[in-house]
C-alpha cells in the first residue's frame, strides 16, 4: 500500500503533467486520479472492505461513479456542446505534430502567437514551433483556410500525430 506522502507526490506529478487520467492498482487497492476537465463530475461513495493504512487508520475503499454530463454545471454543458459541434464537422483539416516535443505558439515568449482562432493561413504559413531535442521546428499549415480551434496550450508536450489545430479549408 502506498503511503500518504507517496500519494501526495503522485498527485503533484499528475497535476504538473499533460496526463488527464491515472490509475494505479496494487494488491487489491486501486487509486484513480482524474484532472478536472469540466466534462463530468465524480462522486465518491465509501463502500466495501476496509483498506489498511500503515498509520492504523481504517478507510473504506472508494467507488467512483460518473454523474451524467447533463447534471453537471450549465457552463460545462455549454462548453461540451461547442466541442461536439466543432468535432462533428467532418470537413475540418487537422494540423498534427510531426514529432514528439514541446508546442510553442510564438517564436519568443514576448511576441504574439503565429496564429489564433480566426486567423487565415496559406499552405506555407507557419502556425507554431515544436521543440525536440533543443531544435525548434517550424510547423506549416499545409492547407489554405481559417483556424477554427487551437487544440493545445503553449508549452504543452505533444505526441507524434497529435492534432494541434483545426482548420476550415477554403
C-alpha atoms as a PDB file:
ATOM      1  CA  UNK A   1       0.000   0.000   0.000  1.00  0.00           C
ATOM      2  CA  UNK A   2       1.235   3.483  -0.803  1.00  0.00           C
ATOM      3  CA  UNK A   3       1.994   5.899   1.983  1.00  0.00           C
ATOM      4  CA  UNK A   4       0.125   9.195   2.179  1.00  0.00           C
ATOM      5  CA  UNK A   5       3.269  11.139   1.218  1.00  0.00           C
ATOM      6  CA  UNK A   6       3.739   8.956  -1.877  1.00  0.00           C
ATOM      7  CA  UNK A   7       0.128   9.603  -2.897  1.00  0.00           C
ATOM      8  CA  UNK A   8       0.642  13.348  -2.457  1.00  0.00           C
ATOM      9  CA  UNK A   9       3.718  13.218  -4.686  1.00  0.00           C
ATOM     10  CA  UNK A  10       1.767  11.285  -7.332  1.00  0.00           C
ATOM     11  CA  UNK A  11      -0.942  13.952  -7.238  1.00  0.00           C
ATOM     12  CA  UNK A  12       1.666  16.694  -7.770  1.00  0.00           C
ATOM     13  CA  UNK A  13       3.277  14.823 -10.677  1.00  0.00           C
ATOM     14  CA  UNK A  14      -0.058  14.213 -12.402  1.00  0.00           C
ATOM     15  CA  UNK A  15      -1.123  17.826 -11.795  1.00  0.00           C
ATOM     16  CA  UNK A  16       2.010  19.198 -13.475  1.00  0.00           C
ATOM     17  CA  UNK A  17       1.898  16.791 -16.439  1.00  0.00           C
ATOM     18  CA  UNK A  18      -0.307  16.563 -19.514  1.00  0.00           C
ATOM     19  CA  UNK A  19      -1.797  13.274 -18.285  1.00  0.00           C
ATOM     20  CA  UNK A  20      -5.577  13.594 -17.917  1.00  0.00           C
ATOM     21  CA  UNK A  21      -6.259  10.337 -16.051  1.00  0.00           C
ATOM     22  CA  UNK A  22      -4.092   7.948 -13.991  1.00  0.00           C
ATOM     23  CA  UNK A  23      -4.962   4.581 -12.424  1.00  0.00           C
ATOM     24  CA  UNK A  24      -2.725   2.544 -10.076  1.00  0.00           C
ATOM     25  CA  UNK A  25      -3.628  -0.948  -8.853  1.00  0.00           C
ATOM     26  CA  UNK A  26      -1.594  -2.993  -6.393  1.00  0.00           C
ATOM     27  CA  UNK A  27      -2.529  -5.841  -4.010  1.00  0.00           C
ATOM     28  CA  UNK A  28      -6.274  -5.262  -4.285  1.00  0.00           C
ATOM     29  CA  UNK A  29      -6.006  -1.496  -3.768  1.00  0.00           C
ATOM     30  CA  UNK A  30      -6.833   0.918  -6.560  1.00  0.00           C
ATOM     31  CA  UNK A  31      -6.038   4.640  -6.865  1.00  0.00           C
ATOM     32  CA  UNK A  32      -7.644   6.579  -9.699  1.00  0.00           C
ATOM     33  CA  UNK A  33      -6.771  10.232 -10.361  1.00  0.00           C
ATOM     34  CA  UNK A  34      -8.502  12.334 -12.976  1.00  0.00           C
ATOM     35  CA  UNK A  35      -7.940  16.002 -13.742  1.00  0.00           C
ATOM     36  CA  UNK A  36     -10.973  18.266 -13.628  1.00  0.00           C
ATOM     37  CA  UNK A  37     -11.660  18.729 -17.347  1.00  0.00           C
ATOM     38  CA  UNK A  38     -15.155  20.093 -16.878  1.00  0.00           C
ATOM     39  CA  UNK A  39     -16.848  17.263 -18.799  1.00  0.00           C
ATOM     40  CA  UNK A  40     -18.210  15.306 -15.848  1.00  0.00           C
ATOM     41  CA  UNK A  41     -18.430  15.360 -12.098  1.00  0.00           C
ATOM     42  CA  UNK A  42     -17.136  12.493  -9.955  1.00  0.00           C
ATOM     43  CA  UNK A  43     -18.945  11.385  -6.827  1.00  0.00           C
ATOM     44  CA  UNK A  44     -17.052   9.268  -4.304  1.00  0.00           C
ATOM     45  CA  UNK A  45     -19.004   6.789  -2.192  1.00  0.00           C
ATOM     46  CA  UNK A  46     -17.467   4.758   0.602  1.00  0.00           C
ATOM     47  CA  UNK A  47     -18.383   1.082   0.357  1.00  0.00           C
ATOM     48  CA  UNK A  48     -16.746  -2.324   0.506  1.00  0.00           C
ATOM     49  CA  UNK A  49     -13.945  -3.754   2.570  1.00  0.00           C
ATOM     50  CA  UNK A  50     -11.721  -1.509   4.697  1.00  0.00           C
ATOM     51  CA  UNK A  51      -8.253  -0.826   3.352  1.00  0.00           C
ATOM     52  CA  UNK A  52      -5.402  -0.840   5.863  1.00  0.00           C
ATOM     53  CA  UNK A  53      -3.173   2.205   6.033  1.00  0.00           C
ATOM     54  CA  UNK A  54       0.103   1.936   7.973  1.00  0.00           C
ATOM     55  CA  UNK A  55      -0.911   4.712  10.401  1.00  0.00           C
ATOM     56  CA  UNK A  56      -3.591   2.337  11.825  1.00  0.00           C
ATOM     57  CA  UNK A  57      -6.462   4.392  10.398  1.00  0.00           C
ATOM     58  CA  UNK A  58      -9.236   2.439   8.694  1.00  0.00           C
ATOM     59  CA  UNK A  59     -10.524   3.867   5.453  1.00  0.00           C
ATOM     60  CA  UNK A  60     -13.123   2.295   3.197  1.00  0.00           C
ATOM     61  CA  UNK A  61     -12.208   1.664  -0.409  1.00  0.00           C
ATOM     62  CA  UNK A  62     -13.844   4.401  -2.564  1.00  0.00           C
ATOM     63  CA  UNK A  63     -16.032   3.606  -5.547  1.00  0.00           C
ATOM     64  CA  UNK A  64     -16.210   6.369  -8.154  1.00  0.00           C
ATOM     65  CA  UNK A  65     -19.415   6.945 -10.084  1.00  0.00           C
ATOM     66  CA  UNK A  66     -19.639   9.307 -13.015  1.00  0.00           C
ATOM     67  CA  UNK A  67     -22.531  11.754 -12.942  1.00  0.00           C
ATOM     68  CA  UNK A  68     -24.049  12.282 -16.412  1.00  0.00           C
ATOM     69  CA  UNK A  69     -22.945  15.467 -18.167  1.00  0.00           C
ATOM     70  CA  UNK A  70     -26.498  16.849 -18.236  1.00  0.00           C
ATOM     71  CA  UNK A  71     -26.400  17.012 -14.415  1.00  0.00           C
ATOM     72  CA  UNK A  72     -23.090  18.911 -14.455  1.00  0.00           C
ATOM     73  CA  UNK A  73     -22.957  22.711 -14.305  1.00  0.00           C
ATOM     74  CA  UNK A  74     -24.709  24.537 -17.153  1.00  0.00           C
ATOM     75  CA  UNK A  75     -21.472  26.281 -18.153  1.00  0.00           C
ATOM     76  CA  UNK A  76     -19.739  22.918 -18.593  1.00  0.00           C
ATOM     77  CA  UNK A  77     -22.632  21.648 -20.711  1.00  0.00           C
ATOM     78  CA  UNK A  78     -22.325  24.686 -22.996  1.00  0.00           C
ATOM     79  CA  UNK A  79     -18.578  24.131 -23.427  1.00  0.00           C
ATOM     80  CA  UNK A  80     -19.183  20.456 -24.206  1.00  0.00           C
ATOM     81  CA  UNK A  81     -21.870  21.356 -26.749  1.00  0.00           C
ATOM     82  CA  UNK A  82     -19.459  23.712 -28.535  1.00  0.00           C
ATOM     83  CA  UNK A  83     -16.791  20.974 -28.677  1.00  0.00           C
ATOM     84  CA  UNK A  84     -19.282  18.457 -30.078  1.00  0.00           C
ATOM     85  CA  UNK A  85     -20.363  20.896 -32.776  1.00  0.00           C
ATOM     86  CA  UNK A  86     -16.766  21.548 -33.828  1.00  0.00           C
ATOM     87  CA  UNK A  87     -15.819  17.860 -33.777  1.00  0.00           C
ATOM     88  CA  UNK A  88     -18.924  16.876 -35.738  1.00  0.00           C
ATOM     89  CA  UNK A  89     -17.878  18.989 -38.716  1.00  0.00           C
ATOM     90  CA  UNK A  90     -16.088  16.495 -40.940  1.00  0.00           C
ATOM     91  CA  UNK A  91     -14.661  18.951 -43.464  1.00  0.00           C
ATOM     92  CA  UNK A  92     -12.115  20.367 -40.991  1.00  0.00           C
ATOM     93  CA  UNK A  93      -8.421  19.712 -41.600  1.00  0.00           C
ATOM     94  CA  UNK A  94      -6.253  18.733 -38.621  1.00  0.00           C
ATOM     95  CA  UNK A  95      -2.746  20.118 -38.437  1.00  0.00           C
ATOM     96  CA  UNK A  96      -0.846  17.465 -36.494  1.00  0.00           C
ATOM     97  CA  UNK A  97       2.514  17.365 -34.777  1.00  0.00           C
ATOM     98  CA  UNK A  98       5.157  15.672 -36.917  1.00  0.00           C
ATOM     99  CA  UNK A  99       7.168  14.734 -33.826  1.00  0.00           C
ATOM    100  CA  UNK A 100       7.239  14.423 -30.059  1.00  0.00           C
ATOM    101  CA  UNK A 101       8.192  17.711 -28.440  1.00  0.00           C
ATOM    102  CA  UNK A 102       7.048  20.924 -26.795  1.00  0.00           C
ATOM    103  CA  UNK A 103       4.444  23.117 -28.531  1.00  0.00           C
ATOM    104  CA  UNK A 104       5.131  26.859 -28.737  1.00  0.00           C
ATOM    105  CA  UNK A 105       2.597  29.263 -30.229  1.00  0.00           C
ATOM    106  CA  UNK A 106       5.142  32.038 -30.893  1.00  0.00           C
ATOM    107  CA  UNK A 107       8.835  32.351 -31.797  1.00  0.00           C
ATOM    108  CA  UNK A 108       9.669  34.027 -28.454  1.00  0.00           C
ATOM    109  CA  UNK A 109       7.778  34.373 -25.167  1.00  0.00           C
ATOM    110  CA  UNK A 110       7.314  38.132 -25.624  1.00  0.00           C
ATOM    111  CA  UNK A 111       5.847  38.024 -29.159  1.00  0.00           C
ATOM    112  CA  UNK A 112       2.313  37.322 -30.382  1.00  0.00           C
ATOM    113  CA  UNK A 113       1.219  33.840 -31.413  1.00  0.00           C
ATOM    114  CA  UNK A 114       1.749  32.856 -35.050  1.00  0.00           C
ATOM    115  CA  UNK A 115      -1.985  32.155 -35.381  1.00  0.00           C
ATOM    116  CA  UNK A 116      -5.132  32.238 -33.258  1.00  0.00           C
ATOM    117  CA  UNK A 117      -8.774  31.323 -33.818  1.00  0.00           C
ATOM    118  CA  UNK A 118      -9.988  33.219 -36.878  1.00  0.00           C
ATOM    119  CA  UNK A 119      -6.535  33.610 -38.457  1.00  0.00           C
ATOM    120  CA  UNK A 120      -6.306  32.967 -42.206  1.00  0.00           C
ATOM    121  CA  UNK A 121      -3.480  30.626 -43.223  1.00  0.00           C
ATOM    122  CA  UNK A 122      -1.929  29.551 -46.517  1.00  0.00           C
ATOM    123  CA  UNK A 123      -0.121  26.285 -47.244  1.00  0.00           C
ATOM    124  CA  UNK A 124       3.271  27.688 -46.263  1.00  0.00           C
ATOM    125  CA  UNK A 125       2.105  29.720 -43.227  1.00  0.00           C
ATOM    126  CA  UNK A 126       3.978  28.915 -40.033  1.00  0.00           C
ATOM    127  CA  UNK A 127       1.420  28.077 -37.337  1.00  0.00           C
ATOM    128  CA  UNK A 128       3.671  27.082 -34.425  1.00  0.00           C
ATOM    129  CA  UNK A 129       7.003  25.664 -33.298  1.00  0.00           C
ATOM    130  CA  UNK A 130       7.600  22.185 -31.887  1.00  0.00           C
ATOM    131  CA  UNK A 131      10.846  21.895 -29.946  1.00  0.00           C
ATOM    132  CA  UNK A 132      12.511  18.498 -29.969  1.00  0.00           C
ATOM    133  CA  UNK A 133      15.977  17.883 -28.555  1.00  0.00           C
ATOM    134  CA  UNK A 134      16.788  21.626 -28.450  1.00  0.00           C
ATOM    135  CA  UNK A 135      15.833  22.036 -32.121  1.00  0.00           C
ATOM    136  CA  UNK A 136      12.985  24.423 -32.872  1.00  0.00           C
ATOM    137  CA  UNK A 137      10.952  23.074 -35.796  1.00  0.00           C
ATOM    138  CA  UNK A 138       8.567  25.456 -37.560  1.00  0.00           C
ATOM    139  CA  UNK A 139       5.274  23.754 -38.412  1.00  0.00           C
ATOM    140  CA  UNK A 140       3.444  24.859 -41.563  1.00  0.00           C
ATOM    141  CA  UNK A 141      -0.320  24.793 -42.144  1.00  0.00           C
ATOM    142  CA  UNK A 142      -0.107  22.679 -45.342  1.00  0.00           C
ATOM    143  CA  UNK A 143      -3.643  23.858 -46.223  1.00  0.00           C
ATOM    144  CA  UNK A 144      -5.316  27.171 -47.028  1.00  0.00           C
ATOM    145  CA  UNK A 145      -8.126  28.198 -44.724  1.00  0.00           C
ATOM    146  CA  UNK A 146      -9.135  29.621 -41.369  1.00  0.00           C
ATOM    147  CA  UNK A 147      -8.034  28.429 -37.907  1.00  0.00           C
ATOM    148  CA  UNK A 148     -11.183  27.181 -36.147  1.00  0.00           C
ATOM    149  CA  UNK A 149      -9.633  25.854 -32.944  1.00  0.00           C
ATOM    150  CA  UNK A 150      -6.253  25.647 -31.198  1.00  0.00           C
ATOM    151  CA  UNK A 151      -6.193  22.207 -29.546  1.00  0.00           C
ATOM    152  CA  UNK A 152      -3.080  22.573 -27.344  1.00  0.00           C
ATOM    153  CA  UNK A 153      -1.708  25.129 -24.903  1.00  0.00           C
ATOM    154  CA  UNK A 154       1.569  26.993 -25.140  1.00  0.00           C
ATOM    155  CA  UNK A 155       4.388  24.966 -23.555  1.00  0.00           C
ATOM    156  CA  UNK A 156       2.396  21.705 -23.642  1.00  0.00           C
ATOM    157  CA  UNK A 157       4.134  18.443 -24.509  1.00  0.00           C
ATOM    158  CA  UNK A 158       2.769  16.955 -27.731  1.00  0.00           C
ATOM    159  CA  UNK A 159       2.979  13.476 -29.228  1.00  0.00           C
ATOM    160  CA  UNK A 160       3.674  12.419 -32.800  1.00  0.00           C
ATOM    161  CA  UNK A 161       0.462  12.763 -34.816  1.00  0.00           C
ATOM    162  CA  UNK A 162      -1.357  14.709 -32.086  1.00  0.00           C
ATOM    163  CA  UNK A 163      -3.772  17.274 -33.573  1.00  0.00           C
ATOM    164  CA  UNK A 164      -2.622  20.858 -32.878  1.00  0.00           C
ATOM    165  CA  UNK A 165      -5.116  22.950 -34.861  1.00  0.00           C
ATOM    166  CA  UNK A 166      -8.419  22.540 -36.679  1.00  0.00           C
ATOM    167  CA  UNK A 167      -8.590  24.444 -39.980  1.00  0.00           C
ATOM    168  CA  UNK A 168     -11.644  25.110 -42.142  1.00  0.00           C
ATOM    169  CA  UNK A 169     -10.246  24.730 -45.675  1.00  0.00           C
ATOM    170  CA  UNK A 170     -11.100  27.304 -48.349  1.00  0.00           C
END
